[in-house]
Amino acid sequence: NYTQKEHTEVKNWEYNIDSPQMRM
């Protein structure tokens, strides 16, 4: 929460169950 801008490459990964970040 230091910024409201999320990097484009990982933006909204928490809403995508197939994202690599979700798996990790």
mmCIF file of all heavy atoms, coordinates in Angstrom:
data_MODEL
# 
_entry.id   MODEL 
# 
loop_
_atom_site.group_PDB 
_atom_site.id 
_atom_site.type_symbol 
_atom_site.label_atom_id 
_atom_site.label_alt_id 
_atom_site.label_comp_id 
_atom_site.label_asym_id 
_atom_site.label_entity_id 
_atom_site.label_seq_id 
_atom_site.pdbx_PDB_ins_code 
_atom_site.Cartn_x 
_atom_site.Cartn_y 
_atom_site.Cartn_z 
_atom_site.occupancy 
_atom_site.B_iso_or_equiv 
_atom_site.pdbx_formal_charge 
_atom_site.auth_seq_id 
_atom_site.auth_comp_id 
_atom_site.auth_asym_id 
_atom_site.auth_atom_id 
_atom_site.pdbx_PDB_model_num 
ATOM 1   N N   . ASN A 1 1  ? 0.803   -1.228  0.000   1.00 0.00 ? 1  ASN A N   1 
ATOM 2   C CA  . ASN A 1 1  ? 0.000   0.000   0.000   1.00 0.00 ? 1  ASN A CA  1 
ATOM 3   C C   . ASN A 1 1  ? 0.839   1.283   0.000   1.00 0.00 ? 1  ASN A C   1 
ATOM 4   O O   . ASN A 1 1  ? 0.435   2.303   0.547   1.00 0.00 ? 1  ASN A O   1 
ATOM 5   C CB  . ASN A 1 1  ? -0.951  0.022   1.206   1.00 0.00 ? 1  ASN A CB  1 
ATOM 6   C CG  . ASN A 1 1  ? -1.988  -1.074  1.130   1.00 0.00 ? 1  ASN A CG  1 
ATOM 7   O OD1 . ASN A 1 1  ? -2.563  -1.335  0.064   1.00 0.00 ? 1  ASN A OD1 1 
ATOM 8   N ND2 . ASN A 1 1  ? -2.254  -1.718  2.261   1.00 0.00 ? 1  ASN A ND2 1 
ATOM 9   N N   . TYR A 1 2  ? 2.013   1.193   -0.629  1.00 0.00 ? 2  TYR A N   1 
ATOM 10  C CA  . TYR A 1 2  ? 2.822   2.398   -0.788  1.00 0.00 ? 2  TYR A CA  1 
ATOM 11  C C   . TYR A 1 2  ? 2.452   3.152   -2.073  1.00 0.00 ? 2  TYR A C   1 
ATOM 12  O O   . TYR A 1 2  ? 2.872   4.288   -2.274  1.00 0.00 ? 2  TYR A O   1 
ATOM 13  C CB  . TYR A 1 2  ? 4.308   2.045   -0.810  1.00 0.00 ? 2  TYR A CB  1 
ATOM 14  C CG  . TYR A 1 2  ? 4.827   1.549   0.521   1.00 0.00 ? 2  TYR A CG  1 
ATOM 15  C CD1 . TYR A 1 2  ? 5.516   0.350   0.615   1.00 0.00 ? 2  TYR A CD1 1 
ATOM 16  C CD2 . TYR A 1 2  ? 4.635   2.295   1.685   1.00 0.00 ? 2  TYR A CD2 1 
ATOM 17  C CE1 . TYR A 1 2  ? 5.989   -0.114  1.834   1.00 0.00 ? 2  TYR A CE1 1 
ATOM 18  C CE2 . TYR A 1 2  ? 5.102   1.836   2.904   1.00 0.00 ? 2  TYR A CE2 1 
ATOM 19  C CZ  . TYR A 1 2  ? 5.778   0.638   2.966   1.00 0.00 ? 2  TYR A CZ  1 
ATOM 20  O OH  . TYR A 1 2  ? 6.253   0.172   4.173   1.00 0.00 ? 2  TYR A OH  1 
ATOM 21  N N   . THR A 1 3  ? 1.696   2.480   -2.931  1.00 0.00 ? 3  THR A N   1 
ATOM 22  C CA  . THR A 1 3  ? 1.244   3.104   -4.177  1.00 0.00 ? 3  THR A CA  1 
ATOM 23  C C   . THR A 1 3  ? -0.064  2.463   -4.604  1.00 0.00 ? 3  THR A C   1 
ATOM 24  O O   . THR A 1 3  ? -0.372  1.329   -4.202  1.00 0.00 ? 3  THR A O   1 
ATOM 25  C CB  . THR A 1 3  ? 2.296   2.928   -5.287  1.00 0.00 ? 3  THR A CB  1 
ATOM 26  O OG1 . THR A 1 3  ? 1.814   3.558   -6.497  1.00 0.00 ? 3  THR A OG1 1 
ATOM 27  C CG2 . THR A 1 3  ? 2.542   1.457   -5.580  1.00 0.00 ? 3  THR A CG2 1 
ATOM 28  N N   . GLN A 1 4  ? -0.819  3.175   -5.393  1.00 0.00 ? 4  GLN A N   1 
ATOM 29  C CA  . GLN A 1 4  ? -2.075  2.652   -5.937  1.00 0.00 ? 4  GLN A CA  1 
ATOM 30  C C   . GLN A 1 4  ? -1.878  2.105   -7.345  1.00 0.00 ? 4  GLN A C   1 
ATOM 31  O O   . GLN A 1 4  ? -2.824  1.587   -7.955  1.00 0.00 ? 4  GLN A O   1 
ATOM 32  C CB  . GLN A 1 4  ? -3.133  3.770   -5.979  1.00 0.00 ? 4  GLN A CB  1 
ATOM 33  C CG  . GLN A 1 4  ? -3.500  4.317   -4.595  1.00 0.00 ? 4  GLN A CG  1 
ATOM 34  C CD  . GLN A 1 4  ? -4.072  3.247   -3.693  1.00 0.00 ? 4  GLN A CD  1 
ATOM 35  O OE1 . GLN A 1 4  ? -4.948  2.494   -4.106  1.00 0.00 ? 4  GLN A OE1 1 
ATOM 36  N NE2 . GLN A 1 4  ? -3.566  3.170   -2.459  1.00 0.00 ? 4  GLN A NE2 1 
ATOM 37  N N   . LYS A 1 5  ? -0.656  2.210   -7.853  1.00 0.00 ? 5  LYS A N   1 
ATOM 38  C CA  . LYS A 1 5  ? -0.365  1.738   -9.204  1.00 0.00 ? 5  LYS A CA  1 
ATOM 39  C C   . LYS A 1 5  ? 0.304   0.365   -9.146  1.00 0.00 ? 5  LYS A C   1 
ATOM 40  O O   . LYS A 1 5  ? 1.382   0.225   -8.584  1.00 0.00 ? 5  LYS A O   1 
ATOM 41  C CB  . LYS A 1 5  ? 0.563   2.722   -9.921  1.00 0.00 ? 5  LYS A CB  1 
ATOM 42  C CG  . LYS A 1 5  ? -0.025  4.124   -10.073 1.00 0.00 ? 5  LYS A CG  1 
ATOM 43  C CD  . LYS A 1 5  ? 0.991   5.046   -10.720 1.00 0.00 ? 5  LYS A CD  1 
ATOM 44  C CE  . LYS A 1 5  ? 0.437   6.463   -10.848 1.00 0.00 ? 5  LYS A CE  1 
ATOM 45  N NZ  . LYS A 1 5  ? 1.446   7.377   -11.453 1.00 0.00 ? 5  LYS A NZ  1 
ATOM 46  N N   . GLU A 1 6  ? -0.330  -0.612  -9.735  1.00 0.00 ? 6  GLU A N   1 
ATOM 47  C CA  . GLU A 1 6  ? 0.237   -1.945  -9.776  1.00 0.00 ? 6  GLU A CA  1 
ATOM 48  C C   . GLU A 1 6  ? 0.905   -2.174  -11.122 1.00 0.00 ? 6  GLU A C   1 
ATOM 49  O O   . GLU A 1 6  ? 0.380   -1.759  -12.166 1.00 0.00 ? 6  GLU A O   1 
ATOM 50  C CB  . GLU A 1 6  ? -0.841  -3.003  -9.542  1.00 0.00 ? 6  GLU A CB  1 
ATOM 51  C CG  . GLU A 1 6  ? -0.291  -4.411  -9.360  1.00 0.00 ? 6  GLU A CG  1 
ATOM 52  C CD  . GLU A 1 6  ? -1.377  -5.405  -8.978  1.00 0.00 ? 6  GLU A CD  1 
ATOM 53  O OE1 . GLU A 1 6  ? -2.565  -5.114  -9.186  1.00 0.00 ? 6  GLU A OE1 1 
ATOM 54  O OE2 . GLU A 1 6  ? -1.017  -6.482  -8.458  1.00 0.00 ? 6  GLU A OE2 1 
ATOM 55  N N   . HIS A 1 7  ? 2.060   -2.832  -11.097 1.00 0.00 ? 7  HIS A N   1 
ATOM 56  C CA  . HIS A 1 7  ? 2.803   -3.065  -12.335 1.00 0.00 ? 7  HIS A CA  1 
ATOM 57  C C   . HIS A 1 7  ? 1.932   -3.820  -13.335 1.00 0.00 ? 7  HIS A C   1 
ATOM 58  O O   . HIS A 1 7  ? 1.225   -4.769  -12.986 1.00 0.00 ? 7  HIS A O   1 
ATOM 59  C CB  . HIS A 1 7  ? 4.073   -3.866  -12.032 1.00 0.00 ? 7  HIS A CB  1 
ATOM 60  C CG  . HIS A 1 7  ? 5.078   -3.800  -13.127 1.00 0.00 ? 7  HIS A CG  1 
ATOM 61  N ND1 . HIS A 1 7  ? 4.992   -4.557  -14.274 1.00 0.00 ? 7  HIS A ND1 1 
ATOM 62  C CD2 . HIS A 1 7  ? 6.211   -3.048  -13.251 1.00 0.00 ? 7  HIS A CD2 1 
ATOM 63  C CE1 . HIS A 1 7  ? 6.027   -4.291  -15.056 1.00 0.00 ? 7  HIS A CE1 1 
ATOM 64  N NE2 . HIS A 1 7  ? 6.786   -3.373  -14.463 1.00 0.00 ? 7  HIS A NE2 1 
ATOM 65  N N   . THR A 1 8  ? 2.027   -3.407  -14.605 1.00 0.00 ? 8  THR A N   1 
ATOM 66  C CA  . THR A 1 8  ? 1.171   -3.964  -15.659 1.00 0.00 ? 8  THR A CA  1 
ATOM 67  C C   . THR A 1 8  ? 1.307   -5.484  -15.781 1.00 0.00 ? 8  THR A C   1 
ATOM 68  O O   . THR A 1 8  ? 0.316   -6.202  -15.960 1.00 0.00 ? 8  THR A O   1 
ATOM 69  C CB  . THR A 1 8  ? 1.510   -3.316  -17.017 1.00 0.00 ? 8  THR A CB  1 
ATOM 70  O OG1 . THR A 1 8  ? 1.419   -1.892  -16.900 1.00 0.00 ? 8  THR A OG1 1 
ATOM 71  C CG2 . THR A 1 8  ? 0.562   -3.810  -18.097 1.00 0.00 ? 8  THR A CG2 1 
ATOM 72  N N   . GLU A 1 9  ? 2.547   -5.988  -15.674 1.00 0.00 ? 9  GLU A N   1 
ATOM 73  C CA  . GLU A 1 9  ? 2.785   -7.424  -15.868 1.00 0.00 ? 9  GLU A CA  1 
ATOM 74  C C   . GLU A 1 9  ? 2.102   -8.296  -14.815 1.00 0.00 ? 9  GLU A C   1 
ATOM 75  O O   . GLU A 1 9  ? 1.818   -9.477  -15.068 1.00 0.00 ? 9  GLU A O   1 
ATOM 76  C CB  . GLU A 1 9  ? 4.284   -7.708  -15.874 1.00 0.00 ? 9  GLU A CB  1 
ATOM 77  C CG  . GLU A 1 9  ? 5.007   -7.160  -17.094 1.00 0.00 ? 9  GLU A CG  1 
ATOM 78  C CD  . GLU A 1 9  ? 6.472   -7.547  -17.089 1.00 0.00 ? 9  GLU A CD  1 
ATOM 79  O OE1 . GLU A 1 9  ? 6.888   -8.298  -16.177 1.00 0.00 ? 9  GLU A OE1 1 
ATOM 80  O OE2 . GLU A 1 9  ? 7.207   -7.105  -17.987 1.00 0.00 ? 9  GLU A OE2 1 
ATOM 81  N N   . VAL A 1 10 ? 1.852   -7.723  -13.660 1.00 0.00 ? 10 VAL A N   1 
ATOM 82  C CA  . VAL A 1 10 ? 1.250   -8.531  -12.588 1.00 0.00 ? 10 VAL A CA  1 
ATOM 83  C C   . VAL A 1 10 ? -0.097  -7.969  -12.137 1.00 0.00 ? 10 VAL A C   1 
ATOM 84  O O   . VAL A 1 10 ? -0.661  -8.443  -11.151 1.00 0.00 ? 10 VAL A O   1 
ATOM 85  C CB  . VAL A 1 10 ? 2.207   -8.618  -11.378 1.00 0.00 ? 10 VAL A CB  1 
ATOM 86  C CG1 . VAL A 1 10 ? 3.484   -9.338  -11.746 1.00 0.00 ? 10 VAL A CG1 1 
ATOM 87  C CG2 . VAL A 1 10 ? 2.509   -7.225  -10.826 1.00 0.00 ? 10 VAL A CG2 1 
ATOM 88  N N   . LYS A 1 11 ? -0.592  -7.002  -12.859 1.00 0.00 ? 11 LYS A N   1 
ATOM 89  C CA  . LYS A 1 11 ? -1.820  -6.324  -12.441 1.00 0.00 ? 11 LYS A CA  1 
ATOM 90  C C   . LYS A 1 11 ? -2.996  -7.300  -12.346 1.00 0.00 ? 11 LYS A C   1 
ATOM 91  O O   . LYS A 1 11 ? -3.209  -8.119  -13.238 1.00 0.00 ? 11 LYS A O   1 
ATOM 92  C CB  . LYS A 1 11 ? -2.143  -5.203  -13.416 1.00 0.00 ? 11 LYS A CB  1 
ATOM 93  C CG  . LYS A 1 11 ? -3.259  -4.282  -12.932 1.00 0.00 ? 11 LYS A CG  1 
ATOM 94  C CD  . LYS A 1 11 ? -3.398  -3.078  -13.848 1.00 0.00 ? 11 LYS A CD  1 
ATOM 95  C CE  . LYS A 1 11 ? -4.435  -2.107  -13.299 1.00 0.00 ? 11 LYS A CE  1 
ATOM 96  N NZ  . LYS A 1 11 ? -4.569  -0.907  -14.146 1.00 0.00 ? 11 LYS A NZ  1 
ATOM 97  N N   . ASN A 1 12 ? -3.703  -7.215  -11.234 1.00 0.00 ? 12 ASN A N   1 
ATOM 98  C CA  . ASN A 1 12 ? -4.922  -8.011  -10.986 1.00 0.00 ? 12 ASN A CA  1 
ATOM 99  C C   . ASN A 1 12 ? -4.676  -9.520  -10.985 1.00 0.00 ? 12 ASN A C   1 
ATOM 100 O O   . ASN A 1 12 ? -5.590  -10.301 -11.251 1.00 0.00 ? 12 ASN A O   1 
ATOM 101 C CB  . ASN A 1 12 ? -6.006  -7.668  -12.017 1.00 0.00 ? 12 ASN A CB  1 
ATOM 102 C CG  . ASN A 1 12 ? -6.489  -6.238  -11.888 1.00 0.00 ? 12 ASN A CG  1 
ATOM 103 O OD1 . ASN A 1 12 ? -6.560  -5.682  -10.799 1.00 0.00 ? 12 ASN A OD1 1 
ATOM 104 N ND2 . ASN A 1 12 ? -6.813  -5.626  -13.028 1.00 0.00 ? 12 ASN A ND2 1 
ATOM 105 N N   . TRP A 1 13 ? -3.476  -9.938  -10.652 1.00 0.00 ? 13 TRP A N   1 
ATOM 106 C CA  . TRP A 1 13 ? -3.194  -11.375 -10.635 1.00 0.00 ? 13 TRP A CA  1 
ATOM 107 C C   . TRP A 1 13 ? -4.060  -12.113 -9.612  1.00 0.00 ? 13 TRP A C   1 
ATOM 108 O O   . TRP A 1 13 ? -4.366  -13.305 -9.770  1.00 0.00 ? 13 TRP A O   1 
ATOM 109 C CB  . TRP A 1 13 ? -1.718  -11.634 -10.349 1.00 0.00 ? 13 TRP A CB  1 
ATOM 110 C CG  . TRP A 1 13 ? -1.276  -11.241 -8.960  1.00 0.00 ? 13 TRP A CG  1 
ATOM 111 C CD1 . TRP A 1 13 ? -0.722  -10.061 -8.578  1.00 0.00 ? 13 TRP A CD1 1 
ATOM 112 C CD2 . TRP A 1 13 ? -1.349  -12.053 -7.781  1.00 0.00 ? 13 TRP A CD2 1 
ATOM 113 N NE1 . TRP A 1 13 ? -0.463  -10.060 -7.238  1.00 0.00 ? 13 TRP A NE1 1 
ATOM 114 C CE2 . TRP A 1 13 ? -0.831  -11.281 -6.711  1.00 0.00 ? 13 TRP A CE2 1 
ATOM 115 C CE3 . TRP A 1 13 ? -1.807  -13.332 -7.515  1.00 0.00 ? 13 TRP A CE3 1 
ATOM 116 C CZ2 . TRP A 1 13 ? -0.765  -11.745 -5.408  1.00 0.00 ? 13 TRP A CZ2 1 
ATOM 117 C CZ3 . TRP A 1 13 ? -1.741  -13.807 -6.211  1.00 0.00 ? 13 TRP A CZ3 1 
ATOM 118 C CH2 . TRP A 1 13 ? -1.227  -13.024 -5.169  1.00 0.00 ? 13 TRP A CH2 1 
ATOM 119 N N   . GLU A 1 14 ? -4.458  -11.416 -8.554  1.00 0.00 ? 14 GLU A N   1 
ATOM 120 C CA  . GLU A 1 14 ? -5.257  -12.057 -7.513  1.00 0.00 ? 14 GLU A CA  1 
ATOM 121 C C   . GLU A 1 14 ? -6.663  -12.423 -7.985  1.00 0.00 ? 14 GLU A C   1 
ATOM 122 O O   . GLU A 1 14 ? -7.359  -13.179 -7.304  1.00 0.00 ? 14 GLU A O   1 
ATOM 123 C CB  . GLU A 1 14 ? -5.363  -11.138 -6.289  1.00 0.00 ? 14 GLU A CB  1 
ATOM 124 C CG  . GLU A 1 14 ? -4.049  -10.998 -5.519  1.00 0.00 ? 14 GLU A CG  1 
ATOM 125 C CD  . GLU A 1 14 ? -4.206  -10.188 -4.252  1.00 0.00 ? 14 GLU A CD  1 
ATOM 126 O OE1 . GLU A 1 14 ? -4.240  -8.955  -4.346  1.00 0.00 ? 14 GLU A OE1 1 
ATOM 127 O OE2 . GLU A 1 14 ? -4.315  -10.797 -3.182  1.00 0.00 ? 14 GLU A OE2 1 
ATOM 128 N N   . TYR A 1 15 ? -7.052  -11.908 -9.142  1.00 0.00 ? 15 TYR A N   1 
ATOM 129 C CA  . TYR A 1 15 ? -8.382  -12.222 -9.683  1.00 0.00 ? 15 TYR A CA  1 
ATOM 130 C C   . TYR A 1 15 ? -8.295  -13.243 -10.812 1.00 0.00 ? 15 TYR A C   1 
ATOM 131 O O   . TYR A 1 15 ? -9.287  -13.508 -11.492 1.00 0.00 ? 15 TYR A O   1 
ATOM 132 C CB  . TYR A 1 15 ? -9.060  -10.937 -10.172 1.00 0.00 ? 15 TYR A CB  1 
ATOM 133 C CG  . TYR A 1 15 ? -9.252  -9.917  -9.067  1.00 0.00 ? 15 TYR A CG  1 
ATOM 134 C CD1 . TYR A 1 15 ? -8.321  -8.895  -8.889  1.00 0.00 ? 15 TYR A CD1 1 
ATOM 135 C CD2 . TYR A 1 15 ? -10.336 -10.001 -8.205  1.00 0.00 ? 15 TYR A CD2 1 
ATOM 136 C CE1 . TYR A 1 15 ? -8.469  -7.966  -7.864  1.00 0.00 ? 15 TYR A CE1 1 
ATOM 137 C CE2 . TYR A 1 15 ? -10.504 -9.068  -7.184  1.00 0.00 ? 15 TYR A CE2 1 
ATOM 138 C CZ  . TYR A 1 15 ? -9.567  -8.067  -7.019  1.00 0.00 ? 15 TYR A CZ  1 
ATOM 139 O OH  . TYR A 1 15 ? -9.721  -7.144  -6.003  1.00 0.00 ? 15 TYR A OH  1 
ATOM 140 N N   . ASN A 1 16 ? -7.123  -13.790 -10.993 1.00 0.00 ? 16 ASN A N   1 
ATOM 141 C CA  . ASN A 1 16 ? -6.909  -14.775 -12.054 1.00 0.00 ? 16 ASN A CA  1 
ATOM 142 C C   . ASN A 1 16 ? -6.306  -16.045 -11.437 1.00 0.00 ? 16 ASN A C   1 
ATOM 143 O O   . ASN A 1 16 ? -5.119  -16.089 -11.120 1.00 0.00 ? 16 ASN A O   1 
ATOM 144 C CB  . ASN A 1 16 ? -5.967  -14.199 -13.120 1.00 0.00 ? 16 ASN A CB  1 
ATOM 145 C CG  . ASN A 1 16 ? -5.695  -15.190 -14.244 1.00 0.00 ? 16 ASN A CG  1 
ATOM 146 O OD1 . ASN A 1 16 ? -6.323  -16.258 -14.318 1.00 0.00 ? 16 ASN A OD1 1 
ATOM 147 N ND2 . ASN A 1 16 ? -4.769  -14.845 -15.120 1.00 0.00 ? 16 ASN A ND2 1 
ATOM 148 N N   . ILE A 1 17 ? -7.117  -17.081 -11.266 1.00 0.00 ? 17 ILE A N   1 
ATOM 149 C CA  . ILE A 1 17 ? -6.645  -18.290 -10.586 1.00 0.00 ? 17 ILE A CA  1 
ATOM 150 C C   . ILE A 1 17 ? -5.593  -19.048 -11.406 1.00 0.00 ? 17 ILE A C   1 
ATOM 151 O O   . ILE A 1 17 ? -4.915  -19.937 -10.892 1.00 0.00 ? 17 ILE A O   1 
ATOM 152 C CB  . ILE A 1 17 ? -7.807  -19.243 -10.239 1.00 0.00 ? 17 ILE A CB  1 
ATOM 153 C CG1 . ILE A 1 17 ? -8.517  -19.704 -11.506 1.00 0.00 ? 17 ILE A CG1 1 
ATOM 154 C CG2 . ILE A 1 17 ? -8.778  -18.573 -9.271  1.00 0.00 ? 17 ILE A CG2 1 
ATOM 155 C CD1 . ILE A 1 17 ? -9.539  -20.789 -11.238 1.00 0.00 ? 17 ILE A CD1 1 
ATOM 156 N N   . ASP A 1 18 ? -5.459  -18.693 -12.692 1.00 0.00 ? 18 ASP A N   1 
ATOM 157 C CA  . ASP A 1 18 ? -4.470  -19.350 -13.548 1.00 0.00 ? 18 ASP A CA  1 
ATOM 158 C C   . ASP A 1 18 ? -3.159  -18.572 -13.648 1.00 0.00 ? 18 ASP A C   1 
ATOM 159 O O   . ASP A 1 18 ? -2.249  -18.972 -14.386 1.00 0.00 ? 18 ASP A O   1 
ATOM 160 C CB  . ASP A 1 18 ? -5.052  -19.551 -14.966 1.00 0.00 ? 18 ASP A CB  1 
ATOM 161 C CG  . ASP A 1 18 ? -6.211  -20.527 -14.968 1.00 0.00 ? 18 ASP A CG  1 
ATOM 162 O OD1 . ASP A 1 18 ? -6.125  -21.530 -14.243 1.00 0.00 ? 18 ASP A OD1 1 
ATOM 163 O OD2 . ASP A 1 18 ? -7.200  -20.285 -15.696 1.00 0.00 ? 18 ASP A OD2 1 
ATOM 164 N N   . SER A 1 19 ? -3.067  -17.479 -12.935 1.00 0.00 ? 19 SER A N   1 
ATOM 165 C CA  . SER A 1 19 ? -1.840  -16.674 -12.991 1.00 0.00 ? 19 SER A CA  1 
ATOM 166 C C   . SER A 1 19 ? -0.704  -17.388 -12.253 1.00 0.00 ? 19 SER A C   1 
ATOM 167 O O   . SER A 1 19 ? -0.939  -18.126 -11.297 1.00 0.00 ? 19 SER A O   1 
ATOM 168 C CB  . SER A 1 19 ? -2.075  -15.298 -12.367 1.00 0.00 ? 19 SER A CB  1 
ATOM 169 O OG  . SER A 1 19 ? -2.314  -15.432 -10.978 1.00 0.00 ? 19 SER A OG  1 
ATOM 170 N N   . PRO A 1 20 ? 0.539   -17.178 -12.705 1.00 0.00 ? 20 PRO A N   1 
ATOM 171 C CA  . PRO A 1 20 ? 1.694   -17.782 -12.023 1.00 0.00 ? 20 PRO A CA  1 
ATOM 172 C C   . PRO A 1 20 ? 1.782   -17.343 -10.563 1.00 0.00 ? 20 PRO A C   1 
ATOM 173 O O   . PRO A 1 20 ? 2.175   -18.125 -9.699  1.00 0.00 ? 20 PRO A O   1 
ATOM 174 C CB  . PRO A 1 20 ? 2.893   -17.276 -12.826 1.00 0.00 ? 20 PRO A CB  1 
ATOM 175 C CG  . PRO A 1 20 ? 2.345   -16.873 -14.146 1.00 0.00 ? 20 PRO A CG  1 
ATOM 176 C CD  . PRO A 1 20 ? 0.948   -16.401 -13.897 1.00 0.00 ? 20 PRO A CD  1 
ATOM 177 N N   . GLN A 1 21 ? 1.406   -16.105 -10.295 1.00 0.00 ? 21 GLN A N   1 
ATOM 178 C CA  . GLN A 1 21 ? 1.474   -15.579 -8.938  1.00 0.00 ? 21 GLN A CA  1 
ATOM 179 C C   . GLN A 1 21 ? 0.493   -16.306 -8.011  1.00 0.00 ? 21 GLN A C   1 
ATOM 180 O O   . GLN A 1 21 ? 0.820   -16.580 -6.845  1.00 0.00 ? 21 GLN A O   1 
ATOM 181 C CB  . GLN A 1 21 ? 1.164   -14.070 -8.926  1.00 0.00 ? 21 GLN A CB  1 
ATOM 182 C CG  . GLN A 1 21 ? 2.223   -13.196 -9.568  1.00 0.00 ? 21 GLN A CG  1 
ATOM 183 C CD  . GLN A 1 21 ? 2.123   -13.187 -11.091 1.00 0.00 ? 21 GLN A CD  1 
ATOM 184 O OE1 . GLN A 1 21 ? 1.135   -13.659 -11.665 1.00 0.00 ? 21 GLN A OE1 1 
ATOM 185 N NE2 . GLN A 1 21 ? 3.140   -12.644 -11.747 1.00 0.00 ? 21 GLN A NE2 1 
ATOM 186 N N   . MET A 1 22 ? -0.692  -16.644 -8.563  1.00 0.00 ? 22 MET A N   1 
ATOM 187 C CA  . MET A 1 22 ? -1.674  -17.384 -7.768  1.00 0.00 ? 22 MET A CA  1 
ATOM 188 C C   . MET A 1 22 ? -1.104  -18.757 -7.386  1.00 0.00 ? 22 MET A C   1 
ATOM 189 O O   . MET A 1 22 ? -1.227  -19.202 -6.239  1.00 0.00 ? 22 MET A O   1 
ATOM 190 C CB  . MET A 1 22 ? -2.969  -17.545 -8.554  1.00 0.00 ? 22 MET A CB  1 
ATOM 191 C CG  . MET A 1 22 ? -4.067  -18.306 -7.820  1.00 0.00 ? 22 MET A CG  1 
ATOM 192 S SD  . MET A 1 22 ? -4.784  -17.367 -6.451  1.00 0.00 ? 22 MET A SD  1 
ATOM 193 C CE  . MET A 1 22 ? -5.747  -16.134 -7.368  1.00 0.00 ? 22 MET A CE  1 
ATOM 194 N N   . ARG A 1 23 ? -0.491  -19.413 -8.371  1.00 0.00 ? 23 ARG A N   1 
ATOM 195 C CA  . ARG A 1 23 ? 0.098   -20.732 -8.112  1.00 0.00 ? 23 ARG A CA  1 
ATOM 196 C C   . ARG A 1 23 ? 1.213   -20.632 -7.070  1.00 0.00 ? 23 ARG A C   1 
ATOM 197 O O   . ARG A 1 23 ? 1.302   -21.461 -6.146  1.00 0.00 ? 23 ARG A O   1 
ATOM 198 C CB  . ARG A 1 23 ? 0.652   -21.318 -9.415  1.00 0.00 ? 23 ARG A CB  1 
ATOM 199 C CG  . ARG A 1 23 ? 1.408   -22.642 -9.239  1.00 0.00 ? 23 ARG A CG  1 
ATOM 200 C CD  . ARG A 1 23 ? 1.920   -23.157 -10.578 1.00 0.00 ? 23 ARG A CD  1 
ATOM 201 N NE  . ARG A 1 23 ? 2.766   -22.195 -11.264 1.00 0.00 ? 23 ARG A NE  1 
ATOM 202 C CZ  . ARG A 1 23 ? 4.044   -21.988 -10.969 1.00 0.00 ? 23 ARG A CZ  1 
ATOM 203 N NH1 . ARG A 1 23 ? 4.630   -22.678 -9.998  1.00 0.00 ? 23 ARG A NH1 1 
ATOM 204 N NH2 . ARG A 1 23 ? 4.748   -21.098 -11.648 1.00 0.00 ? 23 ARG A NH2 1 
ATOM 205 N N   . MET A 1 24 ? 2.044   -19.601 -7.180  1.00 0.00 ? 24 MET A N   1 
ATOM 206 C CA  . MET A 1 24 ? 3.151   -19.445 -6.252  1.00 0.00 ? 24 MET A CA  1 
ATOM 207 C C   . MET A 1 24 ? 2.666   -19.088 -4.851  1.00 0.00 ? 24 MET A C   1 
ATOM 208 O O   . MET A 1 24 ? 3.241   -19.553 -3.849  1.00 0.00 ? 24 MET A O   1 
ATOM 209 C CB  . MET A 1 24 ? 4.127   -18.376 -6.769  1.00 0.00 ? 24 MET A CB  1 
ATOM 210 C CG  . MET A 1 24 ? 4.785   -18.752 -8.086  1.00 0.00 ? 24 MET A CG  1 
ATOM 211 S SD  . MET A 1 24 ? 6.016   -17.567 -8.638  1.00 0.00 ? 24 MET A SD  1 
ATOM 212 C CE  . MET A 1 24 ? 7.382   -18.005 -7.589  1.00 0.00 ? 24 MET A CE  1 
# 
